[in-house]
Amino acid sequence: ALEHHVEITLANTRSVPASVDVRERVPVAREDDDDVQVRAVSADPPWKPFEQPDQPVEGAFHWQLELGPGAEQTLHASYTVEIPSKRELVGGNRRER
């Protein structure tokens, strides 16, 4: 299993509150890859699936939040990609470089 962690820091430098929508996408296994699984493990604060009726995007999530004037907030998310040992990951885990 390959573990991935995402951290996004937001800062509102305005003098008024800001409504923020942050979108993130996790990988999606191909339909014919039954032995590959991607799992969203955690998100803090919790995120929701991002659904677009016109153009669906698989594996999309988003945070919707309000940031007060001068406020800062860090968003965290984790997901795993499980690949059987019989498979080889070409190029390795590029996010770790």
N, C-alpha and C. Protein backbone atom coordinates (compact mmCIF):
# COMPACT_ATOMS: atom_id res chain seq x y z
N ALA A 1 0.85 -1.18 0.00
CA ALA A 1 0.00 0.00 0.00
C ALA A 1 0.89 1.23 0.00
N LEU A 2 0.55 2.17 -0.86
CA LEU A 2 1.27 3.44 -0.93
C LEU A 2 0.41 4.49 -0.23
N GLU A 3 0.97 5.12 0.77
CA GLU A 3 0.23 6.15 1.51
C GLU A 3 0.59 7.53 0.96
N HIS A 4 -0.43 8.35 0.80
CA HIS A 4 -0.24 9.72 0.30
C HIS A 4 -0.90 10.68 1.26
N HIS A 5 -0.22 11.80 1.50
CA HIS A 5 -0.75 12.82 2.40
C HIS A 5 -0.76 14.16 1.67
N VAL A 6 -1.86 14.87 1.80
CA VAL A 6 -2.02 16.18 1.17
C VAL A 6 -2.19 17.20 2.28
N GLU A 7 -1.47 18.33 2.17
CA GLU A 7 -1.61 19.41 3.13
C GLU A 7 -1.72 20.72 2.36
N ILE A 8 -2.77 21.46 2.63
CA ILE A 8 -3.02 22.73 1.95
C ILE A 8 -3.25 23.79 3.02
N THR A 9 -2.49 24.87 2.97
CA THR A 9 -2.67 25.95 3.93
C THR A 9 -3.30 27.15 3.22
N LEU A 10 -4.38 27.65 3.81
CA LEU A 10 -5.09 28.80 3.28
C LEU A 10 -4.91 29.98 4.22
N ALA A 11 -4.82 31.17 3.66
CA ALA A 11 -4.72 32.38 4.48
C ALA A 11 -5.59 33.46 3.85
N ASN A 12 -6.45 34.05 4.65
CA ASN A 12 -7.28 35.16 4.19
C ASN A 12 -6.60 36.45 4.60
N THR A 13 -6.04 37.16 3.64
CA THR A 13 -5.36 38.42 3.92
C THR A 13 -6.28 39.62 3.75
N ARG A 14 -7.53 39.34 3.48
CA ARG A 14 -8.51 40.42 3.30
C ARG A 14 -9.05 40.87 4.65
N SER A 15 -9.73 41.99 4.64
CA SER A 15 -10.33 42.52 5.88
C SER A 15 -11.78 42.07 6.05
N VAL A 16 -12.24 41.21 5.14
CA VAL A 16 -13.61 40.69 5.20
C VAL A 16 -13.55 39.17 5.12
N PRO A 17 -14.59 38.46 5.59
CA PRO A 17 -14.60 37.00 5.48
C PRO A 17 -14.54 36.53 4.02
N ALA A 18 -13.99 35.34 3.82
CA ALA A 18 -13.88 34.76 2.48
C ALA A 18 -14.49 33.37 2.47
N SER A 19 -15.33 33.11 1.48
CA SER A 19 -15.87 31.76 1.24
C SER A 19 -14.90 31.05 0.31
N VAL A 20 -14.46 29.85 0.72
CA VAL A 20 -13.44 29.13 -0.04
C VAL A 20 -13.93 27.74 -0.37
N ASP A 21 -13.71 27.31 -1.61
CA ASP A 21 -14.02 25.96 -2.06
C ASP A 21 -12.72 25.37 -2.60
N VAL A 22 -12.16 24.39 -1.90
CA VAL A 22 -10.90 23.77 -2.29
C VAL A 22 -11.22 22.38 -2.82
N ARG A 23 -10.75 22.10 -4.03
CA ARG A 23 -11.03 20.80 -4.67
C ARG A 23 -9.75 19.99 -4.78
N GLU A 24 -9.88 18.71 -4.50
CA GLU A 24 -8.74 17.78 -4.57
C GLU A 24 -9.24 16.50 -5.24
N ARG A 25 -8.36 15.86 -5.95
CA ARG A 25 -8.74 14.62 -6.63
C ARG A 25 -7.76 13.52 -6.27
N VAL A 26 -8.29 12.36 -5.90
CA VAL A 26 -7.44 11.21 -5.62
C VAL A 26 -7.46 10.31 -6.86
N PRO A 27 -6.43 9.51 -7.04
CA PRO A 27 -6.41 8.62 -8.21
C PRO A 27 -7.60 7.66 -8.20
N VAL A 28 -7.93 7.16 -9.36
CA VAL A 28 -9.03 6.20 -9.52
C VAL A 28 -8.48 5.00 -10.29
N ALA A 29 -8.76 3.81 -9.79
CA ALA A 29 -8.32 2.60 -10.48
C ALA A 29 -9.14 2.42 -11.76
N ARG A 30 -8.49 1.90 -12.79
CA ARG A 30 -9.21 1.61 -14.03
C ARG A 30 -10.24 0.53 -13.78
N GLU A 31 -11.28 0.51 -14.59
CA GLU A 31 -12.37 -0.46 -14.42
C GLU A 31 -11.88 -1.90 -14.49
N ASP A 32 -10.87 -2.18 -15.30
CA ASP A 32 -10.38 -3.55 -15.45
C ASP A 32 -9.31 -3.91 -14.41
N ASP A 33 -8.97 -3.00 -13.50
CA ASP A 33 -7.99 -3.26 -12.45
C ASP A 33 -8.68 -3.59 -11.14
N ASP A 34 -9.24 -4.78 -11.06
CA ASP A 34 -9.96 -5.18 -9.85
C ASP A 34 -9.05 -5.38 -8.65
N ASP A 35 -7.76 -5.61 -8.90
CA ASP A 35 -6.85 -5.85 -7.78
C ASP A 35 -6.15 -4.57 -7.30
N VAL A 36 -6.45 -3.42 -7.90
CA VAL A 36 -5.92 -2.14 -7.44
C VAL A 36 -7.05 -1.39 -6.75
N GLN A 37 -6.77 -0.91 -5.54
CA GLN A 37 -7.80 -0.19 -4.79
C GLN A 37 -7.25 1.13 -4.28
N VAL A 38 -8.07 2.17 -4.40
CA VAL A 38 -7.73 3.49 -3.87
C VAL A 38 -8.75 3.81 -2.80
N ARG A 39 -8.25 4.21 -1.62
CA ARG A 39 -9.16 4.52 -0.51
C ARG A 39 -8.81 5.88 0.07
N ALA A 40 -9.82 6.75 0.15
CA ALA A 40 -9.65 7.99 0.89
C ALA A 40 -9.72 7.62 2.36
N VAL A 41 -8.66 7.86 3.11
CA VAL A 41 -8.56 7.40 4.49
C VAL A 41 -9.11 8.43 5.46
N SER A 42 -8.65 9.67 5.34
CA SER A 42 -9.09 10.69 6.29
C SER A 42 -8.97 12.07 5.69
N ALA A 43 -9.70 13.01 6.26
CA ALA A 43 -9.61 14.41 5.89
C ALA A 43 -9.98 15.25 7.11
N ASP A 44 -9.17 16.27 7.37
CA ASP A 44 -9.41 17.15 8.51
C ASP A 44 -9.22 18.59 8.06
N PRO A 45 -10.26 19.39 8.08
CA PRO A 45 -11.64 19.05 8.41
C PRO A 45 -12.21 18.09 7.36
N PRO A 46 -13.33 17.43 7.69
CA PRO A 46 -13.91 16.47 6.75
C PRO A 46 -14.23 17.11 5.38
N TRP A 47 -13.99 16.35 4.33
CA TRP A 47 -14.35 16.81 3.00
C TRP A 47 -15.57 16.06 2.51
N LYS A 48 -16.11 16.50 1.38
CA LYS A 48 -17.28 15.86 0.78
C LYS A 48 -16.95 15.48 -0.66
N PRO A 49 -17.60 14.45 -1.18
CA PRO A 49 -17.43 14.15 -2.60
C PRO A 49 -17.85 15.36 -3.43
N PHE A 50 -17.07 15.67 -4.46
CA PHE A 50 -17.38 16.79 -5.34
C PHE A 50 -18.11 16.23 -6.55
N GLU A 51 -19.36 16.58 -6.66
CA GLU A 51 -20.19 16.04 -7.73
C GLU A 51 -20.59 17.13 -8.71
N GLN A 52 -20.33 16.88 -9.96
CA GLN A 52 -20.73 17.78 -11.04
C GLN A 52 -21.69 17.02 -11.95
N PRO A 53 -22.93 17.44 -12.03
CA PRO A 53 -23.88 16.69 -12.86
C PRO A 53 -23.53 16.72 -14.35
N ASP A 54 -22.97 17.82 -14.84
CA ASP A 54 -22.69 17.93 -16.28
C ASP A 54 -21.45 17.16 -16.70
N GLN A 55 -20.40 17.22 -15.90
CA GLN A 55 -19.15 16.55 -16.22
C GLN A 55 -18.64 15.83 -14.98
N PRO A 56 -19.11 14.62 -14.72
CA PRO A 56 -18.68 13.90 -13.52
C PRO A 56 -17.17 13.65 -13.50
N VAL A 57 -16.58 13.81 -12.34
CA VAL A 57 -15.16 13.57 -12.15
C VAL A 57 -15.02 12.54 -11.04
N GLU A 58 -14.45 11.39 -11.36
CA GLU A 58 -14.27 10.35 -10.35
C GLU A 58 -13.14 10.73 -9.40
N GLY A 59 -13.30 10.38 -8.14
CA GLY A 59 -12.25 10.62 -7.15
C GLY A 59 -12.12 12.05 -6.69
N ALA A 60 -13.11 12.89 -6.99
CA ALA A 60 -13.03 14.30 -6.63
C ALA A 60 -13.70 14.56 -5.27
N PHE A 61 -13.03 15.36 -4.47
CA PHE A 61 -13.54 15.77 -3.16
C PHE A 61 -13.37 17.28 -3.04
N HIS A 62 -14.06 17.87 -2.06
CA HIS A 62 -13.83 19.29 -1.83
C HIS A 62 -14.15 19.68 -0.40
N TRP A 63 -13.52 20.77 0.00
CA TRP A 63 -13.79 21.40 1.28
C TRP A 63 -14.50 22.72 0.97
N GLN A 64 -15.52 23.05 1.70
CA GLN A 64 -16.17 24.36 1.62
C GLN A 64 -16.07 24.97 3.01
N LEU A 65 -15.45 26.13 3.10
CA LEU A 65 -15.29 26.74 4.40
C LEU A 65 -15.27 28.25 4.31
N GLU A 66 -15.44 28.86 5.46
CA GLU A 66 -15.39 30.31 5.61
C GLU A 66 -14.13 30.65 6.39
N LEU A 67 -13.37 31.59 5.87
CA LEU A 67 -12.19 32.07 6.58
C LEU A 67 -12.44 33.51 7.01
N GLY A 68 -12.34 33.75 8.28
CA GLY A 68 -12.52 35.10 8.78
C GLY A 68 -11.38 36.01 8.36
N PRO A 69 -11.53 37.32 8.54
CA PRO A 69 -10.46 38.26 8.19
C PRO A 69 -9.17 37.90 8.92
N GLY A 70 -8.09 37.77 8.18
CA GLY A 70 -6.79 37.45 8.76
C GLY A 70 -6.64 36.01 9.22
N ALA A 71 -7.63 35.16 8.98
CA ALA A 71 -7.58 33.77 9.46
C ALA A 71 -6.72 32.91 8.55
N GLU A 72 -6.19 31.85 9.14
CA GLU A 72 -5.40 30.86 8.41
C GLU A 72 -5.88 29.48 8.82
N GLN A 73 -5.94 28.55 7.85
CA GLN A 73 -6.35 27.18 8.17
C GLN A 73 -5.60 26.21 7.28
N THR A 74 -5.22 25.08 7.86
CA THR A 74 -4.53 24.03 7.12
C THR A 74 -5.47 22.85 6.96
N LEU A 75 -5.57 22.35 5.73
CA LEU A 75 -6.40 21.20 5.40
C LEU A 75 -5.50 19.99 5.23
N HIS A 76 -5.93 18.86 5.75
CA HIS A 76 -5.15 17.62 5.66
C HIS A 76 -6.04 16.53 5.06
N ALA A 77 -5.45 15.71 4.20
CA ALA A 77 -6.16 14.54 3.67
C ALA A 77 -5.14 13.43 3.44
N SER A 78 -5.61 12.19 3.55
CA SER A 78 -4.76 11.03 3.31
C SER A 78 -5.53 10.01 2.50
N TYR A 79 -4.81 9.33 1.61
CA TYR A 79 -5.42 8.23 0.87
C TYR A 79 -4.35 7.18 0.61
N THR A 80 -4.79 5.96 0.35
CA THR A 80 -3.87 4.88 0.05
C THR A 80 -4.19 4.29 -1.32
N VAL A 81 -3.16 3.83 -1.98
CA VAL A 81 -3.29 3.09 -3.23
C VAL A 81 -2.72 1.71 -2.94
N GLU A 82 -3.58 0.70 -3.03
CA GLU A 82 -3.15 -0.67 -2.75
C GLU A 82 -2.92 -1.40 -4.07
N ILE A 83 -1.68 -1.86 -4.24
CA ILE A 83 -1.27 -2.55 -5.46
C ILE A 83 -0.72 -3.91 -5.05
N PRO A 84 -1.17 -4.99 -5.69
CA PRO A 84 -0.66 -6.32 -5.33
C PRO A 84 0.85 -6.43 -5.61
N SER A 85 1.51 -7.28 -4.86
CA SER A 85 2.97 -7.42 -4.99
C SER A 85 3.38 -7.95 -6.36
N LYS A 86 2.48 -8.57 -7.09
CA LYS A 86 2.83 -9.08 -8.42
C LYS A 86 2.97 -7.96 -9.45
N ARG A 87 2.53 -6.76 -9.11
CA ARG A 87 2.61 -5.61 -10.02
C ARG A 87 3.85 -4.80 -9.73
N GLU A 88 4.33 -4.10 -10.76
CA GLU A 88 5.47 -3.21 -10.60
C GLU A 88 5.02 -1.79 -10.86
N LEU A 89 5.46 -0.86 -10.03
CA LEU A 89 5.10 0.55 -10.17
C LEU A 89 6.18 1.21 -11.01
N VAL A 90 5.86 1.55 -12.27
CA VAL A 90 6.83 2.14 -13.18
C VAL A 90 7.13 3.56 -12.73
N GLY A 91 8.38 3.89 -12.57
CA GLY A 91 8.78 5.23 -12.17
C GLY A 91 8.75 5.46 -10.66
N GLY A 92 8.27 4.51 -9.90
CA GLY A 92 8.24 4.65 -8.45
C GLY A 92 7.20 5.65 -7.98
N ASN A 93 7.26 5.96 -6.70
CA ASN A 93 6.33 6.92 -6.09
C ASN A 93 6.87 8.31 -6.31
N ARG A 94 6.46 8.98 -7.38
CA ARG A 94 7.02 10.27 -7.75
C ARG A 94 6.72 11.37 -6.76
N ARG A 95 5.66 11.24 -5.94
CA ARG A 95 5.36 12.28 -4.95
C ARG A 95 6.38 12.30 -3.83
N GLU A 96 7.11 11.22 -3.64
CA GLU A 96 8.07 11.13 -2.55
C GLU A 96 9.42 11.73 -2.94
N ARG A 97 9.62 12.10 -4.18
CA ARG A 97 10.91 12.63 -4.64
C ARG A 97 11.06 14.08 -4.27
